[in-house]
Protein backbone atom coordinates (compact mmCIF):
# COMPACT_ATOMS: atom_id res chain seq x y z
CA MET A 1 -4.93 7.45 -5.22
CA LEU A 2 -8.53 8.20 -5.64
CA SER A 3 -11.06 6.28 -8.13
CA LYS A 4 -12.12 9.48 -11.20
CA ARG A 5 -15.77 8.60 -9.00
CA GLU A 6 -14.07 8.79 -5.40
CA GLN A 7 -12.64 12.19 -6.55
CA LYS A 8 -15.83 13.62 -8.41
CA ILE A 9 -18.17 12.89 -5.26
CA ILE A 10 -15.25 14.08 -2.46
CA GLU A 11 -14.92 17.75 -4.56
CA LYS A 12 -18.66 17.78 -5.13
CA LEU A 13 -19.19 17.31 -1.44
CA LYS A 14 -16.45 20.05 -0.83
CA VAL A 15 -18.03 22.63 -3.38
CA GLY A 16 -21.24 22.28 -1.78
CA TYR A 17 -20.45 22.34 2.09
CA ASP A 18 -18.27 25.57 1.24
CA SER A 19 -21.07 27.40 -1.08
CA TYR A 20 -23.32 27.38 2.02
CA ALA A 21 -21.01 27.36 5.03
CA LEU A 22 -22.03 30.41 6.77
CA ASP A 23 -26.13 29.37 6.42
CA PHE A 24 -24.97 25.86 7.22
CA ALA A 25 -22.47 26.74 9.78
CA ARG A 26 -25.71 29.00 11.50
CA SER A 27 -28.29 26.29 10.94
CA ARG A 28 -25.67 23.72 13.30
CA GLN A 29 -25.48 26.31 16.38
CA GLY A 30 -26.76 24.75 19.09
CA LEU A 31 -27.87 21.13 17.33
CA ILE A 32 -26.10 18.21 18.80
CA TRP A 33 -27.88 15.33 19.42
CA PRO A 34 -29.01 14.39 22.81
CA GLU A 35 -26.95 10.86 22.72
CA LEU A 36 -23.64 12.75 21.29
CA GLN A 37 -23.77 15.27 23.70
CA LYS A 38 -23.51 12.51 26.73
CA ILE A 39 -20.55 10.42 25.01
CA LEU A 40 -18.69 14.17 24.61
CA LEU A 41 -19.38 15.05 27.79
CA THR A 42 -17.75 11.68 28.86
CA VAL A 43 -14.06 13.11 27.26
CA GLU A 44 -11.25 13.90 29.84
CA ALA A 45 -10.08 17.39 31.17
CA GLY A 46 -6.81 17.88 30.00
CA SER A 47 -7.23 15.64 27.07
CA LYS A 48 -5.91 15.74 23.22
CA VAL A 49 -8.86 15.75 21.24
CA LEU A 50 -8.75 15.72 17.13
CA ASP A 51 -11.97 16.79 15.38
CA LEU A 52 -12.37 15.13 12.04
CA GLY A 53 -14.75 16.98 9.82
CA CYS A 54 -15.06 19.71 12.96
CA GLY A 55 -17.21 22.30 10.14
CA SER A 56 -17.42 25.22 12.46
CA GLY A 57 -16.59 23.56 15.86
CA ARG A 58 -19.73 23.06 16.91
CA ILE A 59 -19.09 20.29 19.12
CA ILE A 60 -16.38 22.39 21.33
CA SER A 61 -18.50 24.38 23.88
CA LEU A 62 -19.42 20.47 24.67
CA LEU A 63 -16.17 19.36 25.31
CA PRO A 64 -13.80 20.22 29.14
CA SER A 65 -11.88 23.14 29.15
CA GLY A 66 -8.12 22.74 29.45
CA ILE A 67 -7.88 20.47 26.40
CA LYS A 68 -5.24 20.14 23.87
CA TYR A 69 -7.73 20.69 20.42
CA LEU A 70 -7.18 19.95 16.65
CA GLY A 71 -10.32 20.35 14.11
CA ILE A 72 -9.60 19.63 10.96
CA ASP A 73 -11.60 20.00 7.68
CA ASN A 74 -11.72 20.60 4.03
CA GLY A 75 -13.82 23.96 3.94
CA GLN A 76 -12.38 26.88 4.04
CA LYS A 77 -14.96 29.05 4.96
CA LEU A 78 -16.02 26.48 7.74
CA LEU A 79 -12.57 26.72 9.19
CA GLU A 80 -12.85 30.49 9.17
CA SER A 81 -16.15 30.37 10.88
CA ALA A 82 -14.68 28.42 13.53
CA GLN A 83 -11.49 30.34 14.40
CA THR A 84 -13.50 33.38 14.73
CA ARG A 85 -16.11 31.79 17.37
CA PHE A 86 -13.19 29.43 19.07
CA PRO A 87 -10.21 31.74 18.72
CA ASN A 88 -8.40 29.90 21.17
CA TYR A 89 -8.74 26.42 19.45
CA SER A 90 -6.71 25.04 16.35
CA PHE A 91 -8.27 24.27 13.43
CA GLN A 92 -6.20 22.98 10.17
CA LEU A 93 -7.37 22.98 6.86
CA GLY A 94 -7.17 19.45 4.82
CA ASP A 95 -9.03 16.54 3.32
CA LEU A 96 -9.74 13.59 5.74
CA ILE A 97 -9.03 10.75 3.69
CA TYR A 98 -4.91 12.30 3.95
CA LEU A 99 -4.90 12.36 7.59
CA PRO A 100 -1.61 10.65 7.86
CA LYS A 101 -0.12 13.53 6.27
CA LEU A 102 -2.21 15.85 8.27
CA THR A 103 -0.78 15.39 11.70
CA LYS A 104 1.66 13.18 12.90
CA GLU A 105 0.35 13.70 16.68
CA LYS A 106 -1.51 11.03 18.75
CA PHE A 107 -4.81 12.01 20.25
CA ASN A 108 -6.79 10.07 23.89
CA TYR A 109 -9.98 10.99 21.74
CA ILE A 110 -10.83 11.46 17.77
CA ILE A 111 -13.83 12.16 17.18
CA CYS A 112 -15.59 11.89 13.31
CA ALA A 113 -19.53 13.11 14.01
CA ALA A 114 -21.89 13.06 10.89
CA VAL A 115 -18.59 12.92 8.10
CA TRP A 116 -17.92 9.32 8.20
CA HIS A 117 -20.88 8.57 5.60
CA HIS A 118 -19.88 10.79 3.10
CA LEU A 119 -16.86 8.67 2.12
CA PRO A 120 -17.72 7.63 -1.38
CA SER A 121 -16.46 3.81 -1.16
CA CYS A 122 -15.75 0.72 1.32
CA ARG A 123 -12.13 1.04 0.79
CA LEU A 124 -12.22 4.54 1.95
CA ARG A 125 -13.78 4.32 5.09
CA LYS A 126 -11.84 1.52 6.38
CA LYS A 127 -9.08 3.57 5.23
CA LEU A 128 -9.81 6.45 7.42
CA LEU A 129 -10.30 3.49 10.22
CA LEU A 130 -6.75 2.55 10.04
CA ASP A 131 -5.48 6.45 9.66
CA MET A 132 -7.47 7.38 13.04
CA LYS A 133 -6.26 3.95 14.54
CA SER A 134 -2.43 5.01 14.32
CA ARG A 135 -3.25 8.67 15.52
CA LEU A 136 -4.73 7.07 18.62
CA GLU A 137 -2.83 6.60 22.01
CA LEU A 138 -3.03 3.47 23.71
CA ASN A 139 -6.46 3.99 25.78
CA GLY A 140 -7.52 6.28 23.82
CA LYS A 141 -11.12 6.42 22.21
CA ILE A 142 -12.54 6.84 18.90
CA ILE A 143 -16.28 8.49 18.82
CA ILE A 144 -18.21 7.92 15.43
CA SER A 145 -21.81 9.15 14.44
CA VAL A 146 -23.76 8.47 11.33
CA TRP A 147 -26.97 8.71 9.95
CA ASP A 148 -29.23 5.77 10.32
CA LEU A 149 -31.01 5.84 7.33
CA TRP A 150 -32.46 2.61 7.48
CA HIS A 151 -34.89 3.51 10.15
CA ASN A 152 -35.63 7.22 9.74
CA PRO A 153 -38.69 7.61 7.43
CA LYS A 154 -38.23 11.21 7.09
CA LEU A 155 -34.44 10.78 5.90
CA LYS A 156 -35.57 7.53 3.67
CA SER A 157 -38.50 9.35 2.03
CA LYS A 158 -35.76 11.81 0.72
CA ALA A 159 -32.70 10.04 -0.58
CA PHE A 160 -33.34 8.36 -3.95
CA LEU A 161 -30.61 5.57 -5.00
CA SER A 162 -27.77 6.88 -7.50
CA LEU A 163 -28.79 4.87 -10.99
CA LEU A 164 -25.12 5.43 -12.08
CA SER A 165 -23.86 4.00 -8.83
CA PHE A 166 -23.68 0.08 -7.87
CA HIS A 167 -22.63 0.31 -4.67
CA PRO A 168 -25.00 -0.80 -1.95
CA GLY A 169 -26.21 1.50 0.70
CA ASP A 170 -25.26 4.67 -1.82
CA VAL A 171 -27.87 7.30 -1.59
CA PHE A 172 -27.88 11.08 -2.60
CA PHE A 173 -29.91 14.00 -0.52
CA LEU A 174 -31.22 17.18 -2.62
CA GLY A 175 -29.31 19.69 -0.20
CA PHE A 176 -27.81 22.64 -0.08
CA LYS A 177 -30.71 25.42 -1.02
CA ASN A 178 -32.27 22.32 -2.90
CA LYS A 179 -29.51 23.23 -5.66
CA ASP A 180 -27.34 20.41 -5.37
CA TYR A 181 -27.09 16.64 -4.21
CA ARG A 182 -25.24 15.13 -1.11
CA TYR A 183 -23.96 12.04 -1.07
CA TYR A 184 -24.43 9.36 1.60
CA HIS A 185 -23.53 5.83 2.75
CA ALA A 186 -26.35 4.02 4.40
CA PHE A 187 -25.05 1.82 6.78
CA THR A 188 -26.15 -0.96 8.35
CA LYS A 189 -25.25 -1.63 12.04
CA TYR A 190 -23.68 -5.08 10.78
CA GLU A 191 -21.54 -3.40 8.30
CA ILE A 192 -20.33 -0.71 10.93
CA LYS A 193 -19.03 -3.64 13.43
CA ARG A 194 -17.30 -5.75 10.61
CA LEU A 195 -15.83 -2.51 9.13
CA ALA A 196 -14.35 -2.04 12.84
CA LYS A 197 -13.07 -5.25 13.02
CA LYS A 198 -10.99 -5.69 10.42
CA ALA A 199 -9.30 -2.42 11.20
CA GLY A 200 -8.75 -3.77 14.57
CA LEU A 201 -10.42 -1.82 16.56
CA LYS A 202 -12.87 -3.29 19.47
CA VAL A 203 -16.59 -1.89 19.52
CA GLU A 204 -16.66 -0.69 23.25
CA LYS A 205 -19.96 0.88 22.62
CA PHE A 206 -22.52 0.92 19.91
CA SER A 207 -25.76 2.69 20.45
CA VAL A 208 -28.82 3.64 18.00
CA ALA A 209 -30.61 7.15 18.56
CA ASP A 210 -31.98 10.54 17.30
CA GLY A 211 -31.84 9.04 13.74
CA ASN A 212 -27.98 7.97 13.94
CA TYR A 213 -25.45 5.11 14.71
CA TYR A 214 -22.92 5.52 17.36
CA LEU A 215 -19.80 3.75 18.38
CA ILE A 216 -17.17 3.85 20.86
CA LEU A 217 -14.03 2.40 19.66
CA GLY A 218 -10.84 1.24 21.28
CA LEU A 219 -7.62 -0.39 20.24
């Protein structure tokens, strides 16, 4: 069960992304960080791929043909855009915090790009790792990217700490046409590795590039 704080932040993000869906999808076309591109190009043909927080499906163009792909997002309009652009791929409406209820399949690759930092508590961030772990094939990989807010002056200057929050690392950004605020968690590299270890996952690769932290996790 979600706390009132968690529910409020998640709902605010959902409404914001949905109201800005078409503009957001257009702004993200062709914009994939070079380090993430390199990682995605290692995905093997014929794999089963789960894309959490898939949005308009922008990573699909970097994945090999012949994969079995499922994209999950809680934004109806973003999924409609994804289905229009990629009619041969499967998409599902749902919130990734309820992943065990959304799919019973196991996957060779689970990708969570620029999404994990939106989860508004350590409890939910760890839960998602455990849920991804439960849906991972034996030799599968979890690929995660999150913003590195501590070392990005441009992003850091736009963030402000919430006076209503006592959770270390919680920040809010003015976004969505400057009409609302988006929640982010400012991860440290030590925190990320610690969470992965607590979830029983091995950090196979950790890198910092393009203003992001990147992880490849395995069982």
